[in-house]
Amino acid sequence: MMVTARKTEQSATSVTYAYGFGEQLDQQLTIDTASGELLKASASSSATGKIYLKIKRDWQATGEFPPGAVFAS
């Protein structure tokens, strides 16, 4: 499984990513920029959880939300 995400929008309170399998980024998730909590996701699946955790770990490591992320297993 390969899940790809790209940041599409960031404000003072949230960041939104388009994500999906390969190049088909047909789903979205939104993360709270202060807490790193998942605010909203267009789907509830293992792919959603895995790419969210990848983005959150990158944010925790650098203090910045990455422009994109890839999870492969």
PDB file of N, CA and C in Angstrom:
ATOM      1  N   MET A   1       0.845  -1.172   0.000  1.00  0.00           N
ATOM      2  CA  MET A   1       0.000   0.000   0.000  1.00  0.00           C
ATOM      3  C   MET A   1       0.891   1.236   0.000  1.00  0.00           C
ATOM      4  N   MET A   2       0.605   2.172  -0.900  1.00  0.00           N
ATOM      5  CA  MET A   2       1.311   3.449  -0.927  1.00  0.00           C
ATOM      6  C   MET A   2       0.282   4.571  -0.890  1.00  0.00           C
ATOM      7  N   VAL A   3       0.363   5.394   0.149  1.00  0.00           N
ATOM      8  CA  VAL A   3      -0.543   6.520   0.321  1.00  0.00           C
ATOM      9  C   VAL A   3       0.273   7.797   0.197  1.00  0.00           C
ATOM     10  N   THR A   4      -0.192   8.720  -0.629  1.00  0.00           N
ATOM     11  CA  THR A   4       0.491   9.992  -0.863  1.00  0.00           C
ATOM     12  C   THR A   4      -0.403  11.129  -0.397  1.00  0.00           C
ATOM     13  N   ALA A   5       0.211  12.163   0.194  1.00  0.00           N
ATOM     14  CA  ALA A   5      -0.537  13.344   0.627  1.00  0.00           C
ATOM     15  C   ALA A   5       0.203  14.600   0.200  1.00  0.00           C
ATOM     16  N   ARG A   6      -0.579  15.638  -0.114  1.00  0.00           N
ATOM     17  CA  ARG A   6      -0.016  16.949  -0.453  1.00  0.00           C
ATOM     18  C   ARG A   6      -0.797  18.017   0.296  1.00  0.00           C
ATOM     19  N   LYS A   7      -0.064  18.952   0.902  1.00  0.00           N
ATOM     20  CA  LYS A   7      -0.713  20.050   1.611  1.00  0.00           C
ATOM     21  C   LYS A   7      -1.410  20.941   0.594  1.00  0.00           C
ATOM     22  N   THR A   8      -2.685  21.237   0.843  1.00  0.00           N
ATOM     23  CA  THR A   8      -3.451  22.070  -0.074  1.00  0.00           C
ATOM     24  C   THR A   8      -3.809  23.423   0.521  1.00  0.00           C
ATOM     25  N   GLU A   9      -3.803  23.502   1.851  1.00  0.00           N
ATOM     26  CA  GLU A   9      -4.198  24.750   2.491  1.00  0.00           C
ATOM     27  C   GLU A   9      -3.684  24.765   3.925  1.00  0.00           C
ATOM     28  N   GLN A  10      -3.242  25.936   4.391  1.00  0.00           N
ATOM     29  CA  GLN A  10      -2.850  26.080   5.785  1.00  0.00           C
ATOM     30  C   GLN A  10      -3.254  27.458   6.272  1.00  0.00           C
ATOM     31  N   SER A  11      -3.876  27.485   7.457  1.00  0.00           N
ATOM     32  CA  SER A  11      -4.246  28.737   8.097  1.00  0.00           C
ATOM     33  C   SER A  11      -3.609  28.758   9.479  1.00  0.00           C
ATOM     34  N   ALA A  12      -3.932  29.738  10.265  1.00  0.00           N
ATOM     35  CA  ALA A  12      -3.388  29.836  11.617  1.00  0.00           C
ATOM     36  C   ALA A  12      -3.904  28.715  12.514  1.00  0.00           C
ATOM     37  N   THR A  13      -5.043  28.122  12.172  1.00  0.00           N
ATOM     38  CA  THR A  13      -5.655  27.126  13.047  1.00  0.00           C
ATOM     39  C   THR A  13      -5.695  25.706  12.493  1.00  0.00           C
ATOM     40  N   SER A  14      -5.532  25.540  11.185  1.00  0.00           N
ATOM     41  CA  SER A  14      -5.624  24.195  10.619  1.00  0.00           C
ATOM     42  C   SER A  14      -4.806  24.072   9.338  1.00  0.00           C
ATOM     43  N   VAL A  15      -4.539  22.823   8.996  1.00  0.00           N
ATOM     44  CA  VAL A  15      -3.849  22.505   7.747  1.00  0.00           C
ATOM     45  C   VAL A  15      -4.617  21.362   7.076  1.00  0.00           C
ATOM     46  N   THR A  16      -4.791  21.469   5.768  1.00  0.00           N
ATOM     47  CA  THR A  16      -5.544  20.469   5.017  1.00  0.00           C
ATOM     48  C   THR A  16      -4.639  19.800   3.984  1.00  0.00           C
ATOM     49  N   TYR A  17      -4.796  18.493   3.877  1.00  0.00           N
ATOM     50  CA  TYR A  17      -4.053  17.690   2.904  1.00  0.00           C
ATOM     51  C   TYR A  17      -5.026  16.930   2.016  1.00  0.00           C
ATOM     52  N   ALA A  18      -4.711  16.842   0.743  1.00  0.00           N
ATOM     53  CA  ALA A  18      -5.374  15.920  -0.170  1.00  0.00           C
ATOM     54  C   ALA A  18      -4.531  14.651  -0.146  1.00  0.00           C
ATOM     55  N   TYR A  19      -5.166  13.487  -0.086  1.00  0.00           N
ATOM     56  CA  TYR A  19      -4.402  12.245  -0.033  1.00  0.00           C
ATOM     57  C   TYR A  19      -5.140  11.133  -0.755  1.00  0.00           C
ATOM     58  N   GLY A  20      -4.409  10.098  -1.054  1.00  0.00           N
ATOM     59  CA  GLY A  20      -4.991   8.937  -1.710  1.00  0.00           C
ATOM     60  C   GLY A  20      -3.910   7.961  -2.114  1.00  0.00           C
ATOM     61  N   PHE A  21      -4.284   7.016  -2.925  1.00  0.00           N
ATOM     62  CA  PHE A  21      -3.352   5.984  -3.366  1.00  0.00           C
ATOM     63  C   PHE A  21      -2.627   6.445  -4.613  1.00  0.00           C
ATOM     64  N   GLY A  22      -1.303   6.392  -4.576  1.00  0.00           N
ATOM     65  CA  GLY A  22      -0.501   6.828  -5.711  1.00  0.00           C
ATOM     66  C   GLY A  22      -0.725   8.296  -6.009  1.00  0.00           C
ATOM     67  N   GLU A  23      -1.095   8.595  -7.248  1.00  0.00           N
ATOM     68  CA  GLU A  23      -1.328   9.986  -7.660  1.00  0.00           C
ATOM     69  C   GLU A  23      -2.801  10.393  -7.572  1.00  0.00           C
ATOM     70  N   GLN A  24      -3.666   9.483  -7.204  1.00  0.00           N
ATOM     71  CA  GLN A  24      -5.099   9.782  -7.113  1.00  0.00           C
ATOM     72  C   GLN A  24      -5.413  10.342  -5.729  1.00  0.00           C
ATOM     73  N   LEU A  25      -5.284  11.655  -5.576  1.00  0.00           N
ATOM     74  CA  LEU A  25      -5.486  12.317  -4.293  1.00  0.00           C
ATOM     75  C   LEU A  25      -6.938  12.784  -4.198  1.00  0.00           C
ATOM     76  N   ASP A  26      -7.826  11.834  -3.921  1.00  0.00           N
ATOM     77  CA  ASP A  26      -9.255  12.105  -3.956  1.00  0.00           C
ATOM     78  C   ASP A  26      -9.916  12.207  -2.582  1.00  0.00           C
ATOM     79  N   GLN A  27      -9.112  12.248  -1.528  1.00  0.00           N
ATOM     80  CA  GLN A  27      -9.643  12.369  -0.178  1.00  0.00           C
ATOM     81  C   GLN A  27      -8.948  13.526   0.526  1.00  0.00           C
ATOM     82  N   GLN A  28      -9.539  14.013   1.621  1.00  0.00           N
ATOM     83  CA  GLN A  28      -8.949  15.130   2.359  1.00  0.00           C
ATOM     84  C   GLN A  28      -8.956  14.853   3.846  1.00  0.00           C
ATOM     85  N   LEU A  29      -7.961  15.426   4.519  1.00  0.00           N
ATOM     86  CA  LEU A  29      -7.965  15.427   5.974  1.00  0.00           C
ATOM     87  C   LEU A  29      -7.500  16.790   6.454  1.00  0.00           C
ATOM     88  N   THR A  30      -8.015  17.190   7.613  1.00  0.00           N
ATOM     89  CA  THR A  30      -7.685  18.484   8.203  1.00  0.00           C
ATOM     90  C   THR A  30      -7.169  18.258   9.612  1.00  0.00           C
ATOM     91  N   ILE A  31      -6.068  18.933   9.937  1.00  0.00           N
ATOM     92  CA  ILE A  31      -5.380  18.776  11.215  1.00  0.00           C
ATOM     93  C   ILE A  31      -5.326  20.115  11.929  1.00  0.00           C
ATOM     94  N   ASP A  32      -5.540  20.109  13.235  1.00  0.00           N
ATOM     95  CA  ASP A  32      -5.415  21.302  14.063  1.00  0.00           C
ATOM     96  C   ASP A  32      -3.927  21.652  14.172  1.00  0.00           C
ATOM     97  N   THR A  33      -3.552  22.885  13.839  1.00  0.00           N
ATOM     98  CA  THR A  33      -2.132  23.254  13.827  1.00  0.00           C
ATOM     99  C   THR A  33      -1.553  23.430  15.223  1.00  0.00           C
ATOM    100  N   ALA A  34      -2.373  23.640  16.242  1.00  0.00           N
ATOM    101  CA  ALA A  34      -1.857  23.806  17.601  1.00  0.00           C
ATOM    102  C   ALA A  34      -1.625  22.464  18.293  1.00  0.00           C
ATOM    103  N   SER A  35      -2.587  21.555  18.168  1.00  0.00           N
ATOM    104  CA  SER A  35      -2.508  20.282  18.891  1.00  0.00           C
ATOM    105  C   SER A  35      -2.045  19.104  18.041  1.00  0.00           C
ATOM    106  N   GLY A  36      -2.180  19.215  16.726  1.00  0.00           N
ATOM    107  CA  GLY A  36      -1.865  18.103  15.845  1.00  0.00           C
ATOM    108  C   GLY A  36      -2.977  17.074  15.748  1.00  0.00           C
ATOM    109  N   GLU A  37      -4.127  17.359  16.360  1.00  0.00           N
ATOM    110  CA  GLU A  37      -5.251  16.427  16.319  1.00  0.00           C
ATOM    111  C   GLU A  37      -5.936  16.448  14.956  1.00  0.00           C
ATOM    112  N   LEU A  38      -6.413  15.289  14.552  1.00  0.00           N
ATOM    113  CA  LEU A  38      -7.183  15.165  13.317  1.00  0.00           C
ATOM    114  C   LEU A  38      -8.566  15.770  13.556  1.00  0.00           C
ATOM    115  N   LEU A  39      -8.896  16.799  12.795  1.00  0.00           N
ATOM    116  CA  LEU A  39     -10.182  17.469  12.945  1.00  0.00           C
ATOM    117  C   LEU A  39     -11.258  16.849  12.065  1.00  0.00           C
ATOM    118  N   LYS A  40     -10.884  16.508  10.837  1.00  0.00           N
ATOM    119  CA  LYS A  40     -11.867  16.020   9.875  1.00  0.00           C
ATOM    120  C   LYS A  40     -11.165  15.188   8.816  1.00  0.00           C
ATOM    121  N   ALA A  41     -11.821  14.119   8.390  1.00  0.00           N
ATOM    122  CA  ALA A  41     -11.313  13.301   7.290  1.00  0.00           C
ATOM    123  C   ALA A  41     -12.482  12.881   6.422  1.00  0.00           C
ATOM    124  N   SER A  42     -12.262  12.872   5.112  1.00  0.00           N
ATOM    125  CA  SER A  42     -13.334  12.505   4.196  1.00  0.00           C
ATOM    126  C   SER A  42     -13.599  11.006   4.182  1.00  0.00           C
ATOM    127  N   ALA A  43     -12.678  10.228   4.748  1.00  0.00           N
ATOM    128  CA  ALA A  43     -12.864   8.776   4.824  1.00  0.00           C
ATOM    129  C   ALA A  43     -12.236   8.265   6.117  1.00  0.00           C
ATOM    130  N   SER A  44     -12.755   7.172   6.600  1.00  0.00           N
ATOM    131  CA  SER A  44     -12.192   6.525   7.778  1.00  0.00           C
ATOM    132  C   SER A  44     -11.658   5.169   7.329  1.00  0.00           C
ATOM    133  N   SER A  45     -10.328   5.101   7.199  1.00  0.00           N
ATOM    134  CA  SER A  45      -9.714   3.861   6.728  1.00  0.00           C
ATOM    135  C   SER A  45      -8.319   3.744   7.309  1.00  0.00           C
ATOM    136  N   SER A  46      -7.692   2.618   7.095  1.00  0.00           N
ATOM    137  CA  SER A  46      -6.319   2.459   7.566  1.00  0.00           C
ATOM    138  C   SER A  46      -5.385   3.408   6.830  1.00  0.00           C
ATOM    139  N   ALA A  47      -5.692   3.706   5.556  1.00  0.00           N
ATOM    140  CA  ALA A  47      -4.869   4.656   4.798  1.00  0.00           C
ATOM    141  C   ALA A  47      -4.928   6.042   5.433  1.00  0.00           C
ATOM    142  N   THR A  48      -6.114   6.458   5.877  1.00  0.00           N
ATOM    143  CA  THR A  48      -6.269   7.750   6.539  1.00  0.00           C
ATOM    144  C   THR A  48      -5.417   7.802   7.798  1.00  0.00           C
ATOM    145  N   GLY A  49      -5.518   6.785   8.608  1.00  0.00           N
ATOM    146  CA  GLY A  49      -4.753   6.742   9.853  1.00  0.00           C
ATOM    147  C   GLY A  49      -3.262   6.735   9.624  1.00  0.00           C
ATOM    148  N   LYS A  50      -2.801   5.986   8.656  1.00  0.00           N
ATOM    149  CA  LYS A  50      -1.366   5.874   8.408  1.00  0.00           C
ATOM    150  C   LYS A  50      -0.774   7.179   7.878  1.00  0.00           C
ATOM    151  N   ILE A  51      -1.452   7.846   6.937  1.00  0.00           N
ATOM    152  CA  ILE A  51      -0.892   9.081   6.396  1.00  0.00           C
ATOM    153  C   ILE A  51      -1.003  10.206   7.425  1.00  0.00           C
ATOM    154  N   TYR A  52      -2.071  10.214   8.219  1.00  0.00           N
ATOM    155  CA  TYR A  52      -2.201  11.198   9.289  1.00  0.00           C
ATOM    156  C   TYR A  52      -1.048  11.057  10.292  1.00  0.00           C
ATOM    157  N   LEU A  53      -0.762   9.842  10.720  1.00  0.00           N
ATOM    158  CA  LEU A  53       0.332   9.636  11.680  1.00  0.00           C
ATOM    159  C   LEU A  53       1.685  10.017  11.083  1.00  0.00           C
ATOM    160  N   LYS A  54       1.890   9.756   9.802  1.00  0.00           N
ATOM    161  CA  LYS A  54       3.137  10.146   9.135  1.00  0.00           C
ATOM    162  C   LYS A  54       3.282  11.664   9.144  1.00  0.00           C
ATOM    163  N   ILE A  55       2.220  12.379   8.796  1.00  0.00           N
ATOM    164  CA  ILE A  55       2.253  13.846   8.790  1.00  0.00           C
ATOM    165  C   ILE A  55       2.492  14.364  10.207  1.00  0.00           C
ATOM    166  N   LYS A  56       1.784  13.799  11.180  1.00  0.00           N
ATOM    167  CA  LYS A  56       1.917  14.254  12.573  1.00  0.00           C
ATOM    168  C   LYS A  56       3.327  14.017  13.104  1.00  0.00           C
ATOM    169  N   ARG A  57       3.912  12.881  12.792  1.00  0.00           N
ATOM    170  CA  ARG A  57       5.292  12.602  13.246  1.00  0.00           C
ATOM    171  C   ARG A  57       6.287  13.576  12.620  1.00  0.00           C
ATOM    172  N   ASP A  58       6.104  13.888  11.347  1.00  0.00           N
ATOM    173  CA  ASP A  58       6.981  14.873  10.699  1.00  0.00           C
ATOM    174  C   ASP A  58       6.847  16.234  11.369  1.00  0.00           C
ATOM    175  N   TRP A  59       5.616  16.637  11.681  1.00  0.00           N
ATOM    176  CA  TRP A  59       5.359  17.910  12.360  1.00  0.00           C
ATOM    177  C   TRP A  59       6.002  17.917  13.749  1.00  0.00           C
ATOM    178  N   GLN A  60       5.873  16.825  14.486  1.00  0.00           N
ATOM    179  CA  GLN A  60       6.459  16.743  15.819  1.00  0.00           C
ATOM    180  C   GLN A  60       7.986  16.801  15.761  1.00  0.00           C
ATOM    181  N   ALA A  61       8.566  16.228  14.725  1.00  0.00           N
ATOM    182  CA  ALA A  61      10.027  16.197  14.592  1.00  0.00           C
ATOM    183  C   ALA A  61      10.608  17.544  14.168  1.00  0.00           C
ATOM    184  N   THR A  62       9.866  18.291  13.339  1.00  0.00           N
ATOM    185  CA  THR A  62      10.424  19.526  12.778  1.00  0.00           C
ATOM    186  C   THR A  62       9.744  20.800  13.268  1.00  0.00           C
ATOM    187  N   GLY A  63       8.518  20.677  13.792  1.00  0.00           N
ATOM    188  CA  GLY A  63       7.762  21.850  14.200  1.00  0.00           C
ATOM    189  C   GLY A  63       7.004  22.509  13.057  1.00  0.00           C
ATOM    190  N   GLU A  64       7.086  21.916  11.860  1.00  0.00           N
ATOM    191  CA  GLU A  64       6.399  22.447  10.675  1.00  0.00           C
ATOM    192  C   GLU A  64       5.616  21.317  10.004  1.00  0.00           C
ATOM    193  N   PHE A  65       4.460  21.675   9.460  1.00  0.00           N
ATOM    194  CA  PHE A  65       3.710  20.678   8.706  1.00  0.00           C
ATOM    195  C   PHE A  65       4.366  20.527   7.333  1.00  0.00           C
ATOM    196  N   PRO A  66       4.659  19.295   6.931  1.00  0.00           N
ATOM    197  CA  PRO A  66       5.377  19.069   5.677  1.00  0.00           C
ATOM    198  C   PRO A  66       4.524  19.427   4.455  1.00  0.00           C
ATOM    199  N   PRO A  67       5.163  19.746   3.340  1.00  0.00           N
ATOM    200  CA  PRO A  67       4.410  20.029   2.109  1.00  0.00           C
ATOM    201  C   PRO A  67       3.731  18.785   1.548  1.00  0.00           C
ATOM    202  N   GLY A  68       4.196  17.636   1.959  1.00  0.00           N
ATOM    203  CA  GLY A  68       3.616  16.383   1.507  1.00  0.00           C
ATOM    204  C   GLY A  68       4.180  15.232   2.308  1.00  0.00           C
ATOM    205  N   ALA A  69       3.609  14.044   2.096  1.00  0.00           N
ATOM    206  CA  ALA A  69       4.078  12.860   2.806  1.00  0.00           C
ATOM    207  C   ALA A  69       3.733  11.620   1.988  1.00  0.00           C
ATOM    208  N   VAL A  70       4.504  10.576   2.207  1.00  0.00           N
ATOM    209  CA  VAL A  70       4.248   9.288   1.561  1.00  0.00           C
ATOM    210  C   VAL A  70       4.367   8.208   2.625  1.00  0.00           C
ATOM    211  N   PHE A  71       3.403   7.315   2.649  1.00  0.00           N
ATOM    212  CA  PHE A  71       3.466   6.137   3.502  1.00  0.00           C
ATOM    213  C   PHE A  71       3.409   4.920   2.596  1.00  0.00           C
ATOM    214  N   ALA A  72       4.374   4.047   2.749  1.00  0.00           N
ATOM    215  CA  ALA A  72       4.399   2.806   1.966  1.00  0.00           C
ATOM    216  C   ALA A  72       4.619   1.623   2.887  1.00  0.00           C
ATOM    217  N   SER A  73       3.900   0.574   2.631  1.00  0.00           N
ATOM    218  CA  SER A  73       4.112  -0.650   3.419  1.00  0.00           C
ATOM    219  C   SER A  73       4.110  -1.854   2.516  1.00  0.00           C
TER     220      SER A  73
END
